[in-house]
């Protein structure tokens, strides 16, 4: 399956609904493609830590209220929905390490994590809705790229919450192992505190050496 497909992207995002709904999933079901999984990732931009992907199959009759793009929710709201999603949905999580990111580039590493998350689902989907402009290579079913999918599809929104909460928890634990960098406060993003810590202590095993300002002169930039 090709890794890039024409995304379902309206000309003017002002026409989008106020929040995600189940229309993409219902359309797939009418075509005989059910169950449908939504997949999304968290952590493409940070200087450190893994990129984490989740895949979620929702039960239309038992969807937690308040699902939305994880970036639009408070941390407390995400934590509550994380538990609710796990209680009623089929969920799988996968990640790509900093070394994987450096070796392949962040886009490929993110898509591979999404593919592995889908493959790990206990219930095999017949269709996958992937946030963004790309469908992961290697799916065993049909797939559709949905631009701004975490604001349009409830399945993708659920996946975004699972991925975000999982990664935040991973980075909080990383902060215990590498306290000098403050990972628990910025989750590996390039904040002033984080960049200052890198300047003082140098990079650690969790840093992405292909990202500025960590890459060595002459190396390819994978941001």
N, C-alpha and C. Protein backbone atom coordinates (compact mmCIF):
# COMPACT_ATOMS: atom_id res chain seq x y z
N UNK A 1 0.85 -1.20 0.00
CA UNK A 1 0.00 0.00 0.00
C UNK A 1 0.88 1.24 0.00
N UNK A 2 0.54 2.23 -0.79
CA UNK A 2 1.32 3.45 -0.85
C UNK A 2 1.26 4.19 0.48
N UNK A 3 2.34 4.87 0.79
CA UNK A 3 2.42 5.57 2.06
C UNK A 3 1.76 6.93 2.02
N UNK A 4 1.51 7.45 0.83
CA UNK A 4 0.88 8.76 0.72
C UNK A 4 -0.35 8.63 -0.16
N UNK A 5 -1.48 9.09 0.34
CA UNK A 5 -2.72 9.06 -0.41
C UNK A 5 -3.32 10.45 -0.40
N UNK A 6 -4.20 10.76 -1.36
CA UNK A 6 -4.83 12.07 -1.35
C UNK A 6 -5.60 12.27 -0.05
N UNK A 7 -5.24 13.25 0.77
CA UNK A 7 -5.93 13.43 2.04
C UNK A 7 -7.32 13.99 1.84
N UNK A 8 -8.18 13.67 2.80
CA UNK A 8 -9.52 14.22 2.78
C UNK A 8 -9.45 15.59 3.45
N UNK A 9 -9.20 16.62 2.66
CA UNK A 9 -8.92 17.94 3.20
C UNK A 9 -9.83 18.98 2.56
N UNK A 10 -10.76 19.56 3.34
CA UNK A 10 -11.63 20.58 2.77
C UNK A 10 -10.86 21.85 2.43
N UNK A 11 -11.41 22.64 1.53
CA UNK A 11 -10.73 23.86 1.11
C UNK A 11 -10.66 24.89 2.23
N UNK A 12 -11.70 24.94 3.04
CA UNK A 12 -11.73 25.94 4.11
C UNK A 12 -12.10 25.23 5.41
N UNK A 13 -11.13 25.19 6.35
CA UNK A 13 -11.38 24.49 7.59
C UNK A 13 -12.42 25.18 8.47
N UNK A 14 -12.81 26.39 8.11
CA UNK A 14 -13.87 27.05 8.86
C UNK A 14 -15.19 26.30 8.74
N UNK A 15 -15.32 25.47 7.72
CA UNK A 15 -16.55 24.71 7.52
C UNK A 15 -16.58 23.42 8.32
N UNK A 16 -15.52 23.12 9.05
CA UNK A 16 -15.49 21.89 9.81
C UNK A 16 -16.48 21.94 10.97
N UNK A 17 -16.96 20.77 11.43
CA UNK A 17 -17.83 20.76 12.60
C UNK A 17 -17.09 21.23 13.84
N UNK A 18 -17.86 21.59 14.87
CA UNK A 18 -17.25 22.13 16.08
C UNK A 18 -16.34 21.13 16.77
N UNK A 19 -16.58 19.86 16.59
CA UNK A 19 -15.77 18.82 17.20
C UNK A 19 -15.82 17.56 16.38
N UNK A 20 -15.04 16.55 16.74
CA UNK A 20 -15.04 15.30 15.97
C UNK A 20 -16.37 14.57 16.06
N UNK A 21 -16.67 13.80 15.01
CA UNK A 21 -17.88 12.99 15.01
C UNK A 21 -17.55 11.60 14.49
N UNK A 22 -18.58 10.81 14.19
CA UNK A 22 -18.38 9.42 13.79
C UNK A 22 -18.71 9.20 12.33
N UNK A 23 -18.72 10.27 11.52
CA UNK A 23 -19.16 10.14 10.13
C UNK A 23 -18.17 9.36 9.27
N UNK A 24 -16.87 9.57 9.45
CA UNK A 24 -15.90 8.79 8.68
C UNK A 24 -16.06 7.30 8.96
N UNK A 25 -16.28 6.97 10.22
CA UNK A 25 -16.43 5.58 10.61
C UNK A 25 -17.72 4.99 10.04
N UNK A 26 -18.81 5.75 10.07
CA UNK A 26 -20.08 5.25 9.52
C UNK A 26 -19.99 5.05 8.02
N UNK A 27 -19.32 5.96 7.32
CA UNK A 27 -19.15 5.82 5.88
C UNK A 27 -18.39 4.54 5.56
N UNK A 28 -17.32 4.28 6.30
CA UNK A 28 -16.56 3.05 6.08
C UNK A 28 -17.42 1.82 6.34
N UNK A 29 -18.24 1.87 7.37
CA UNK A 29 -19.11 0.73 7.70
C UNK A 29 -20.12 0.47 6.58
N UNK A 30 -20.63 1.54 6.00
CA UNK A 30 -21.60 1.37 4.90
C UNK A 30 -20.93 0.70 3.70
N UNK A 31 -19.64 0.84 3.56
CA UNK A 31 -18.91 0.20 2.47
C UNK A 31 -18.44 -1.21 2.83
N UNK A 32 -18.82 -1.66 4.02
CA UNK A 32 -18.42 -2.99 4.46
C UNK A 32 -17.08 -3.04 5.15
N UNK A 33 -16.50 -1.87 5.46
CA UNK A 33 -15.20 -1.80 6.11
C UNK A 33 -15.40 -1.55 7.60
N UNK A 34 -15.62 -2.58 8.34
CA UNK A 34 -15.80 -2.41 9.78
C UNK A 34 -15.32 -3.69 10.47
N UNK A 35 -14.60 -3.58 11.58
CA UNK A 35 -14.39 -2.38 12.39
C UNK A 35 -13.38 -1.39 11.78
N UNK A 36 -13.50 -0.14 12.26
CA UNK A 36 -12.64 0.95 11.81
C UNK A 36 -11.75 1.38 12.97
N UNK A 37 -10.46 1.53 12.70
CA UNK A 37 -9.53 2.02 13.72
C UNK A 37 -9.09 3.43 13.38
N UNK A 38 -8.94 4.25 14.38
CA UNK A 38 -8.31 5.56 14.23
C UNK A 38 -6.91 5.49 14.80
N UNK A 39 -5.97 6.16 14.15
CA UNK A 39 -4.60 6.17 14.67
C UNK A 39 -4.01 7.58 14.63
N UNK A 40 -3.20 7.88 15.62
CA UNK A 40 -2.55 9.19 15.72
C UNK A 40 -1.28 9.02 16.53
N UNK A 41 -0.43 10.03 16.49
CA UNK A 41 0.83 10.00 17.23
C UNK A 41 0.98 11.23 18.10
N UNK A 42 1.92 11.15 19.03
CA UNK A 42 2.28 12.29 19.88
C UNK A 42 3.79 12.34 19.97
N UNK A 43 4.34 13.54 19.86
CA UNK A 43 5.77 13.70 20.08
C UNK A 43 6.62 13.80 18.84
N UNK A 44 6.10 14.37 17.76
CA UNK A 44 6.94 14.55 16.57
C UNK A 44 7.96 15.68 16.76
N UNK A 45 7.61 16.71 17.52
CA UNK A 45 8.44 17.90 17.58
C UNK A 45 9.52 17.98 18.64
N UNK A 46 9.47 17.20 19.73
CA UNK A 46 10.44 17.37 20.80
C UNK A 46 11.88 17.05 20.40
N UNK A 47 12.81 17.52 21.21
CA UNK A 47 14.23 17.23 21.02
C UNK A 47 14.62 15.89 21.65
N UNK A 48 13.75 15.35 22.49
CA UNK A 48 14.09 14.13 23.21
C UNK A 48 12.87 13.25 23.39
N UNK A 49 13.13 11.97 23.60
CA UNK A 49 12.07 11.02 23.88
C UNK A 49 11.52 10.36 22.62
N UNK A 50 10.69 9.34 22.80
CA UNK A 50 10.13 8.62 21.67
C UNK A 50 8.98 9.39 21.04
N UNK A 51 8.59 8.96 19.84
CA UNK A 51 7.30 9.34 19.30
C UNK A 51 6.38 8.16 19.59
N UNK A 52 5.19 8.44 20.09
CA UNK A 52 4.26 7.41 20.54
C UNK A 52 3.00 7.46 19.69
N UNK A 53 2.56 6.30 19.23
CA UNK A 53 1.35 6.20 18.42
C UNK A 53 0.33 5.31 19.12
N UNK A 54 -0.93 5.58 18.87
CA UNK A 54 -2.00 4.74 19.39
C UNK A 54 -2.99 4.44 18.28
N UNK A 55 -3.63 3.30 18.38
CA UNK A 55 -4.73 2.94 17.48
C UNK A 55 -5.91 2.55 18.35
N UNK A 56 -7.09 3.02 17.97
CA UNK A 56 -8.28 2.81 18.78
C UNK A 56 -9.46 2.41 17.90
N UNK A 57 -10.17 1.38 18.32
CA UNK A 57 -11.45 1.00 17.72
C UNK A 57 -12.53 1.28 18.74
N UNK A 58 -13.43 2.20 18.42
CA UNK A 58 -14.50 2.59 19.32
C UNK A 58 -15.75 1.77 19.07
N UNK A 59 -16.52 1.58 20.12
CA UNK A 59 -17.87 1.02 20.04
C UNK A 59 -18.83 2.20 19.92
N UNK A 60 -19.51 2.32 18.77
CA UNK A 60 -20.36 3.48 18.55
C UNK A 60 -21.41 3.64 19.64
N UNK A 61 -21.83 2.56 20.24
CA UNK A 61 -22.85 2.65 21.28
C UNK A 61 -22.30 2.98 22.65
N UNK A 62 -20.99 3.13 22.76
CA UNK A 62 -20.39 3.37 24.08
C UNK A 62 -19.14 4.23 23.93
N UNK A 63 -19.33 5.44 23.38
CA UNK A 63 -18.22 6.36 23.15
C UNK A 63 -18.14 7.36 24.31
N UNK A 64 -16.99 7.49 24.95
CA UNK A 64 -16.87 8.45 26.05
C UNK A 64 -17.21 9.88 25.59
N UNK A 65 -17.91 10.60 26.42
CA UNK A 65 -18.28 11.98 26.10
C UNK A 65 -17.06 12.88 26.21
N UNK A 66 -16.97 13.86 25.31
CA UNK A 66 -15.93 14.87 25.40
C UNK A 66 -14.67 14.57 24.62
N UNK A 67 -14.67 13.54 23.77
CA UNK A 67 -13.48 13.25 22.98
C UNK A 67 -13.18 14.40 22.02
N UNK A 68 -11.91 14.76 21.94
CA UNK A 68 -11.49 15.83 21.05
C UNK A 68 -9.98 15.72 20.85
N UNK A 69 -9.47 16.53 19.96
CA UNK A 69 -8.03 16.65 19.76
C UNK A 69 -7.37 16.82 21.13
N UNK A 70 -6.39 15.98 21.44
CA UNK A 70 -5.78 16.02 22.77
C UNK A 70 -5.19 17.38 23.11
N UNK A 71 -4.75 18.12 22.09
CA UNK A 71 -4.14 19.44 22.33
C UNK A 71 -5.17 20.46 22.80
N UNK A 72 -6.45 20.17 22.60
CA UNK A 72 -7.51 21.10 23.00
C UNK A 72 -8.05 20.79 24.39
N UNK A 73 -7.50 19.77 25.05
CA UNK A 73 -7.99 19.34 26.35
C UNK A 73 -6.96 19.64 27.43
N UNK A 74 -7.43 19.85 28.64
CA UNK A 74 -6.52 20.01 29.76
C UNK A 74 -5.90 18.65 30.11
N UNK A 75 -4.80 18.69 30.84
CA UNK A 75 -4.16 17.45 31.25
C UNK A 75 -5.10 16.59 32.08
N UNK A 76 -5.86 17.21 32.97
CA UNK A 76 -6.79 16.45 33.81
C UNK A 76 -7.89 15.80 32.96
N UNK A 77 -8.37 16.53 31.97
CA UNK A 77 -9.41 16.00 31.09
C UNK A 77 -8.85 14.84 30.27
N UNK A 78 -7.64 14.97 29.77
CA UNK A 78 -7.02 13.88 29.02
C UNK A 78 -6.86 12.63 29.89
N UNK A 79 -6.43 12.82 31.12
CA UNK A 79 -6.25 11.67 32.02
C UNK A 79 -7.57 10.94 32.26
N UNK A 80 -8.63 11.70 32.46
CA UNK A 80 -9.94 11.07 32.69
C UNK A 80 -10.39 10.31 31.47
N UNK A 81 -10.26 10.93 30.29
CA UNK A 81 -10.69 10.27 29.07
C UNK A 81 -9.81 9.07 28.74
N UNK A 82 -8.54 9.13 29.08
CA UNK A 82 -7.64 8.00 28.86
C UNK A 82 -8.20 6.75 29.53
N UNK A 83 -8.59 6.87 30.80
CA UNK A 83 -9.14 5.73 31.52
C UNK A 83 -10.48 5.28 30.92
N UNK A 84 -11.30 6.23 30.52
CA UNK A 84 -12.60 5.89 29.95
C UNK A 84 -12.44 5.17 28.61
N UNK A 85 -11.51 5.63 27.80
CA UNK A 85 -11.29 4.98 26.50
C UNK A 85 -10.81 3.54 26.71
N UNK A 86 -9.85 3.34 27.59
CA UNK A 86 -9.33 2.00 27.85
C UNK A 86 -10.42 1.07 28.36
N UNK A 87 -11.39 1.62 29.05
CA UNK A 87 -12.45 0.79 29.64
C UNK A 87 -13.45 0.28 28.61
N UNK A 88 -13.62 1.00 27.49
CA UNK A 88 -14.71 0.65 26.56
C UNK A 88 -14.26 0.39 25.13
N UNK A 89 -12.99 0.63 24.80
CA UNK A 89 -12.53 0.54 23.41
C UNK A 89 -11.41 -0.49 23.29
N UNK A 90 -11.13 -0.87 22.04
CA UNK A 90 -9.98 -1.71 21.74
C UNK A 90 -8.80 -0.79 21.43
N UNK A 91 -7.71 -0.94 22.17
CA UNK A 91 -6.61 0.04 22.12
C UNK A 91 -5.28 -0.68 21.96
N UNK A 92 -4.40 -0.09 21.18
CA UNK A 92 -3.03 -0.57 21.04
C UNK A 92 -2.09 0.63 20.99
N UNK A 93 -0.90 0.47 21.55
CA UNK A 93 0.08 1.56 21.63
C UNK A 93 1.43 1.05 21.13
N UNK A 94 2.14 1.87 20.39
CA UNK A 94 3.50 1.55 19.94
C UNK A 94 4.33 2.82 19.95
N UNK A 95 5.65 2.67 19.95
CA UNK A 95 6.51 3.85 19.95
C UNK A 95 7.74 3.60 19.10
N UNK A 96 8.38 4.70 18.68
CA UNK A 96 9.66 4.65 18.00
C UNK A 96 10.65 5.43 18.85
N UNK A 97 11.79 4.82 19.13
CA UNK A 97 12.79 5.39 20.02
C UNK A 97 13.54 6.54 19.35
N UNK A 98 14.27 7.32 20.14
CA UNK A 98 15.12 8.36 19.55
C UNK A 98 16.10 7.82 18.52
N UNK A 99 16.66 6.64 18.77
CA UNK A 99 17.61 6.06 17.81
C UNK A 99 16.90 5.69 16.51
N UNK A 100 15.69 5.18 16.62
CA UNK A 100 14.89 4.87 15.43
C UNK A 100 14.58 6.15 14.66
N UNK A 101 14.24 7.20 15.37
CA UNK A 101 13.96 8.50 14.74
C UNK A 101 15.19 9.01 14.01
N UNK A 102 16.34 8.94 14.65
CA UNK A 102 17.58 9.42 14.03
C UNK A 102 17.94 8.61 12.79
N UNK A 103 17.67 7.31 12.83
CA UNK A 103 18.06 6.44 11.73
C UNK A 103 17.14 6.60 10.52
N UNK A 104 15.86 6.90 10.75
CA UNK A 104 14.90 6.86 9.65
C UNK A 104 14.33 8.23 9.30
N UNK A 105 14.24 9.15 10.18
CA UNK A 105 13.66 10.48 10.20
C UNK A 105 12.31 10.42 10.89
N UNK A 106 11.87 11.56 11.39
CA UNK A 106 10.70 11.59 12.29
C UNK A 106 9.41 11.19 11.57
N UNK A 107 9.27 11.56 10.31
CA UNK A 107 8.05 11.19 9.60
C UNK A 107 7.93 9.68 9.46
N UNK A 108 9.00 9.03 9.00
CA UNK A 108 8.97 7.59 8.81
C UNK A 108 8.82 6.86 10.15
N UNK A 109 9.51 7.35 11.17
CA UNK A 109 9.40 6.72 12.48
C UNK A 109 8.00 6.84 13.05
N UNK A 110 7.35 8.00 12.82
CA UNK A 110 5.98 8.20 13.29
C UNK A 110 5.01 7.25 12.58
N UNK A 111 5.14 7.16 11.27
CA UNK A 111 4.25 6.29 10.50
C UNK A 111 4.47 4.82 10.86
N UNK A 112 5.73 4.44 11.12
CA UNK A 112 5.99 3.06 11.51
C UNK A 112 5.37 2.75 12.87
N UNK A 113 5.43 3.69 13.80
CA UNK A 113 4.78 3.48 15.09
C UNK A 113 3.27 3.34 14.92
N UNK A 114 2.69 4.14 14.04
CA UNK A 114 1.25 4.03 13.79
C UNK A 114 0.91 2.67 13.19
N UNK A 115 1.74 2.21 12.24
CA UNK A 115 1.50 0.89 11.64
C UNK A 115 1.54 -0.21 12.71
N UNK A 116 2.54 -0.15 13.58
CA UNK A 116 2.68 -1.17 14.61
C UNK A 116 1.56 -1.09 15.63
N UNK A 117 1.07 0.12 15.92
CA UNK A 117 -0.07 0.24 16.82
C UNK A 117 -1.31 -0.43 16.23
N UNK A 118 -1.55 -0.20 14.94
CA UNK A 118 -2.69 -0.85 14.28
C UNK A 118 -2.52 -2.36 14.29
N UNK A 119 -1.31 -2.83 13.98
CA UNK A 119 -1.06 -4.27 13.93
C UNK A 119 -1.25 -4.93 15.29
N UNK A 120 -1.08 -4.17 16.36
CA UNK A 120 -1.19 -4.71 17.71
C UNK A 120 -2.60 -4.79 18.25
N UNK A 121 -3.57 -4.29 17.52
CA UNK A 121 -4.95 -4.31 18.00
C UNK A 121 -5.45 -5.75 18.15
N UNK A 122 -6.15 -6.04 19.25
CA UNK A 122 -6.70 -7.37 19.48
C UNK A 122 -7.80 -7.70 18.49
N UNK A 123 -8.46 -6.69 17.96
CA UNK A 123 -9.50 -6.84 16.95
C UNK A 123 -8.97 -6.26 15.66
N UNK A 124 -8.89 -7.06 14.61
CA UNK A 124 -8.30 -6.60 13.35
C UNK A 124 -9.25 -5.66 12.62
N UNK A 125 -8.84 -4.43 12.33
CA UNK A 125 -9.70 -3.50 11.60
C UNK A 125 -9.75 -3.83 10.11
N UNK A 126 -10.83 -3.42 9.46
CA UNK A 126 -10.92 -3.52 8.01
C UNK A 126 -10.66 -2.18 7.34
N UNK A 127 -10.52 -1.12 8.14
CA UNK A 127 -10.23 0.21 7.61
C UNK A 127 -9.55 1.01 8.69
N UNK A 128 -8.59 1.86 8.28
CA UNK A 128 -7.85 2.69 9.23
C UNK A 128 -7.97 4.15 8.82
N UNK A 129 -8.28 4.99 9.78
CA UNK A 129 -8.29 6.44 9.60
C UNK A 129 -7.03 6.98 10.26
N UNK A 130 -6.14 7.56 9.49
CA UNK A 130 -4.85 8.03 10.00
C UNK A 130 -4.81 9.55 10.00
N UNK A 131 -4.45 10.13 11.14
CA UNK A 131 -4.34 11.58 11.22
C UNK A 131 -3.20 12.08 10.34
N UNK A 132 -3.46 13.15 9.60
CA UNK A 132 -2.42 13.77 8.79
C UNK A 132 -2.59 13.54 7.31
N UNK A 133 -1.48 13.58 6.59
CA UNK A 133 -1.50 13.48 5.13
C UNK A 133 -1.04 12.13 4.59
N UNK A 134 -0.67 11.22 5.46
CA UNK A 134 -0.10 9.94 5.04
C UNK A 134 -0.83 8.77 5.67
N UNK A 135 -0.92 7.68 4.92
CA UNK A 135 -1.36 6.40 5.45
C UNK A 135 -0.11 5.56 5.69
N UNK A 136 0.05 4.96 6.86
CA UNK A 136 1.24 4.15 7.10
C UNK A 136 1.38 3.02 6.09
N UNK A 137 2.59 2.75 5.66
CA UNK A 137 2.88 1.59 4.82
C UNK A 137 2.65 0.31 5.61
N UNK A 138 2.29 -0.75 4.90
CA UNK A 138 2.25 -2.07 5.50
C UNK A 138 0.96 -2.43 6.20
N UNK A 139 -0.09 -1.62 6.08
CA UNK A 139 -1.37 -1.99 6.66
C UNK A 139 -1.94 -3.19 5.91
N UNK A 140 -2.68 -4.04 6.63
CA UNK A 140 -3.29 -5.20 6.00
C UNK A 140 -4.73 -4.92 5.60
N UNK A 141 -5.11 -3.66 5.63
CA UNK A 141 -6.47 -3.26 5.27
C UNK A 141 -6.41 -1.91 4.57
N UNK A 142 -7.55 -1.40 4.16
CA UNK A 142 -7.59 -0.09 3.52
C UNK A 142 -7.31 1.00 4.55
N UNK A 143 -6.85 2.14 4.06
CA UNK A 143 -6.57 3.25 4.96
C UNK A 143 -6.88 4.58 4.31
N UNK A 144 -7.14 5.59 5.14
CA UNK A 144 -7.47 6.92 4.65
C UNK A 144 -6.75 7.95 5.50
N UNK A 145 -6.07 8.88 4.86
CA UNK A 145 -5.44 9.99 5.57
C UNK A 145 -6.46 11.10 5.77
N UNK A 146 -6.55 11.60 6.99
CA UNK A 146 -7.53 12.64 7.33
C UNK A 146 -6.80 13.83 7.93
N UNK A 147 -6.68 14.89 7.16
CA UNK A 147 -6.03 16.10 7.66
C UNK A 147 -6.84 16.68 8.81
N UNK A 148 -6.15 17.05 9.88
CA UNK A 148 -6.80 17.53 11.11
C UNK A 148 -7.78 16.48 11.63
N UNK A 149 -7.41 15.22 11.46
CA UNK A 149 -8.30 14.12 11.82
C UNK A 149 -8.66 14.08 13.29
N UNK A 150 -7.76 14.54 14.18
CA UNK A 150 -8.08 14.50 15.60
C UNK A 150 -9.18 15.49 15.98
N UNK A 151 -9.51 16.42 15.08
CA UNK A 151 -10.63 17.34 15.29
C UNK A 151 -11.85 16.95 14.49
N UNK A 152 -11.77 15.83 13.73
CA UNK A 152 -12.85 15.47 12.83
C UNK A 152 -13.39 14.07 13.05
N UNK A 153 -12.55 13.17 13.51
CA UNK A 153 -12.94 11.77 13.71
C UNK A 153 -12.82 11.41 15.19
N UNK A 154 -13.87 10.84 15.75
CA UNK A 154 -13.82 10.45 17.16
C UNK A 154 -12.79 9.36 17.41
N UNK A 155 -12.61 8.46 16.45
CA UNK A 155 -11.62 7.39 16.63
C UNK A 155 -10.21 7.95 16.67
N UNK A 156 -9.92 8.91 15.77
CA UNK A 156 -8.60 9.53 15.76
C UNK A 156 -8.41 10.38 17.01
N UNK A 157 -9.45 11.09 17.43
CA UNK A 157 -9.36 11.89 18.66
C UNK A 157 -9.03 11.01 19.85
N UNK A 158 -9.69 9.85 19.93
CA UNK A 158 -9.39 8.92 21.03
C UNK A 158 -7.95 8.46 20.97
N UNK A 159 -7.46 8.16 19.76
CA UNK A 159 -6.06 7.74 19.61
C UNK A 159 -5.11 8.86 20.01
N UNK A 160 -5.45 10.10 19.70
CA UNK A 160 -4.58 11.22 20.06
C UNK A 160 -4.46 11.35 21.57
N UNK A 161 -5.54 11.10 22.28
CA UNK A 161 -5.53 11.19 23.74
C UNK A 161 -4.68 10.07 24.34
N UNK A 162 -4.88 8.85 23.84
CA UNK A 162 -4.10 7.73 24.35
C UNK A 162 -2.61 7.95 24.10
N UNK A 163 -2.26 8.40 22.90
CA UNK A 163 -0.85 8.62 22.57
C UNK A 163 -0.24 9.73 23.43
N UNK A 164 -0.97 10.83 23.59
CA UNK A 164 -0.46 11.98 24.34
C UNK A 164 -0.26 11.64 25.81
N UNK A 165 -1.25 11.02 26.43
CA UNK A 165 -1.13 10.69 27.85
C UNK A 165 -0.01 9.67 28.07
N UNK A 166 0.06 8.67 27.20
CA UNK A 166 1.11 7.67 27.33
C UNK A 166 2.49 8.31 27.24
N UNK A 167 2.68 9.18 26.24
CA UNK A 167 4.00 9.79 26.09
C UNK A 167 4.33 10.72 27.26
N UNK A 168 3.35 11.48 27.72
CA UNK A 168 3.60 12.36 28.86
C UNK A 168 4.03 11.56 30.09
N UNK A 169 3.40 10.41 30.30
CA UNK A 169 3.77 9.57 31.43
C UNK A 169 5.18 9.01 31.25
N UNK A 170 5.52 8.63 30.04
CA UNK A 170 6.86 8.13 29.76
C UNK A 170 7.91 9.20 30.06
N UNK A 171 7.63 10.44 29.66
CA UNK A 171 8.60 11.50 29.87
C UNK A 171 8.68 11.90 31.34
N UNK A 172 7.60 11.76 32.08
CA UNK A 172 7.66 12.00 33.51
C UNK A 172 8.59 10.99 34.18
N UNK A 173 8.48 9.73 33.76
CA UNK A 173 9.38 8.70 34.30
C UNK A 173 10.82 8.96 33.85
N UNK A 174 10.99 9.44 32.62
CA UNK A 174 12.33 9.77 32.14
C UNK A 174 12.96 10.85 33.01
N UNK A 175 12.13 11.75 33.52
CA UNK A 175 12.64 12.81 34.38
C UNK A 175 13.26 12.27 35.66
N UNK A 176 12.81 11.09 36.11
CA UNK A 176 13.40 10.48 37.30
C UNK A 176 14.78 9.90 37.00
N UNK A 177 14.96 9.41 35.78
CA UNK A 177 16.23 8.82 35.39
C UNK A 177 17.25 9.87 34.96
N UNK A 178 16.76 10.97 34.40
CA UNK A 178 17.63 12.05 33.91
C UNK A 178 17.14 13.38 34.48
N UNK A 179 17.28 13.58 35.80
CA UNK A 179 16.68 14.75 36.44
C UNK A 179 17.26 16.08 35.99
N UNK A 180 18.43 16.11 35.42
CA UNK A 180 19.06 17.38 35.05
C UNK A 180 18.32 18.10 33.93
N UNK A 181 17.51 17.37 33.16
CA UNK A 181 16.90 17.96 31.96
C UNK A 181 15.46 18.45 32.17
N UNK A 182 14.81 18.06 33.25
CA UNK A 182 13.46 18.52 33.51
C UNK A 182 12.41 17.95 32.57
N UNK A 183 12.59 16.70 32.15
CA UNK A 183 11.66 16.11 31.20
C UNK A 183 10.22 16.08 31.72
N UNK A 184 10.06 16.01 33.03
CA UNK A 184 8.71 15.96 33.59
C UNK A 184 7.95 17.27 33.39
N UNK A 185 8.67 18.36 33.13
CA UNK A 185 8.01 19.66 32.98
C UNK A 185 7.77 20.06 31.53
N UNK A 186 8.60 19.57 30.60
CA UNK A 186 8.46 20.00 29.20
C UNK A 186 8.34 18.84 28.21
N UNK A 187 8.39 17.59 28.70
CA UNK A 187 8.20 16.39 27.88
C UNK A 187 9.17 16.30 26.71
N UNK A 188 10.31 16.95 26.83
CA UNK A 188 11.33 16.85 25.79
C UNK A 188 11.30 17.94 24.75
N UNK A 189 10.32 18.85 24.82
CA UNK A 189 10.25 19.95 23.85
C UNK A 189 11.39 20.95 24.10
N UNK A 190 11.68 21.75 23.09
CA UNK A 190 12.83 22.63 23.13
C UNK A 190 12.62 23.91 23.90
N UNK A 191 12.21 23.82 25.14
CA UNK A 191 12.03 25.01 25.97
C UNK A 191 13.38 25.61 26.34
N UNK A 192 13.36 26.81 26.87
CA UNK A 192 14.61 27.46 27.29
C UNK A 192 15.29 26.64 28.37
N UNK A 193 14.51 26.11 29.31
CA UNK A 193 15.09 25.30 30.39
C UNK A 193 15.79 24.07 29.80
N UNK A 194 15.14 23.44 28.84
CA UNK A 194 15.69 22.22 28.24
C UNK A 194 16.98 22.53 27.47
N UNK A 195 16.96 23.57 26.67
CA UNK A 195 18.14 23.92 25.88
C UNK A 195 19.30 24.33 26.79
N UNK A 196 19.00 25.00 27.88
CA UNK A 196 20.06 25.38 28.82
C UNK A 196 20.68 24.13 29.45
N UNK A 197 19.83 23.15 29.79
CA UNK A 197 20.34 21.91 30.38
C UNK A 197 21.22 21.16 29.40
N UNK A 198 20.84 21.17 28.12
CA UNK A 198 21.68 20.51 27.11
C UNK A 198 23.03 21.21 27.00
N UNK A 199 23.00 22.54 27.04
CA UNK A 199 24.25 23.30 26.94
C UNK A 199 25.18 23.00 28.12
N UNK A 200 24.61 22.78 29.28
CA UNK A 200 25.42 22.53 30.48
C UNK A 200 25.88 21.08 30.56
N UNK A 201 24.95 20.14 30.32
CA UNK A 201 25.22 18.72 30.57
C UNK A 201 25.48 17.91 29.31
N UNK A 202 25.21 18.50 28.14
CA UNK A 202 25.29 17.72 26.92
C UNK A 202 24.05 16.83 26.77
N UNK A 203 23.92 16.13 25.65
CA UNK A 203 22.76 15.28 25.44
C UNK A 203 22.85 13.98 26.23
N UNK A 204 21.69 13.36 26.43
CA UNK A 204 21.63 12.05 27.08
C UNK A 204 21.10 11.03 26.07
N UNK A 205 20.86 9.81 26.52
CA UNK A 205 20.43 8.73 25.63
C UNK A 205 19.06 9.00 25.00
N UNK A 206 18.29 9.88 25.59
CA UNK A 206 16.94 10.13 25.08
C UNK A 206 16.89 11.23 24.03
N UNK A 207 17.99 11.89 23.77
CA UNK A 207 17.96 13.00 22.83
C UNK A 207 18.04 12.52 21.38
N UNK A 208 17.37 13.26 20.51
CA UNK A 208 17.34 12.98 19.08
C UNK A 208 18.49 13.73 18.43
N UNK A 209 19.53 13.01 18.10
CA UNK A 209 20.75 13.66 17.65
C UNK A 209 20.65 14.20 16.22
N UNK A 210 19.58 13.89 15.51
CA UNK A 210 19.39 14.42 14.16
C UNK A 210 18.64 15.75 14.17
N UNK A 211 18.21 16.20 15.35
CA UNK A 211 17.43 17.43 15.47
C UNK A 211 18.35 18.58 15.86
N UNK A 212 18.08 19.78 15.33
CA UNK A 212 18.74 20.97 15.83
C UNK A 212 18.31 21.18 17.28
N UNK A 213 19.18 21.66 18.18
CA UNK A 213 20.59 22.04 17.95
C UNK A 213 21.56 20.90 18.26
N UNK A 214 21.06 19.65 18.26
CA UNK A 214 21.88 18.52 18.68
C UNK A 214 22.71 17.90 17.56
N UNK A 215 22.29 18.07 16.34
CA UNK A 215 22.99 17.41 15.24
C UNK A 215 24.38 18.01 15.05
N UNK A 216 25.28 17.18 14.60
CA UNK A 216 26.63 17.64 14.31
C UNK A 216 26.69 18.28 12.92
N UNK A 217 27.60 19.19 12.71
CA UNK A 217 27.71 19.88 11.42
C UNK A 217 27.86 18.87 10.28
N UNK A 218 27.10 19.10 9.22
CA UNK A 218 27.20 18.23 8.06
C UNK A 218 26.22 17.09 8.06
N UNK A 219 25.55 16.83 9.18
CA UNK A 219 24.57 15.75 9.21
C UNK A 219 23.25 16.21 8.63
N UNK A 220 22.51 15.26 8.10
CA UNK A 220 21.20 15.57 7.54
C UNK A 220 20.24 15.94 8.65
N UNK A 221 19.42 16.93 8.41
CA UNK A 221 18.41 17.34 9.37
C UNK A 221 17.15 16.54 9.13
N UNK A 222 16.60 15.92 10.19
CA UNK A 222 15.44 15.06 10.05
C UNK A 222 14.20 15.64 10.70
N UNK A 223 14.18 16.93 10.95
CA UNK A 223 13.01 17.54 11.57
C UNK A 223 11.90 17.66 10.55
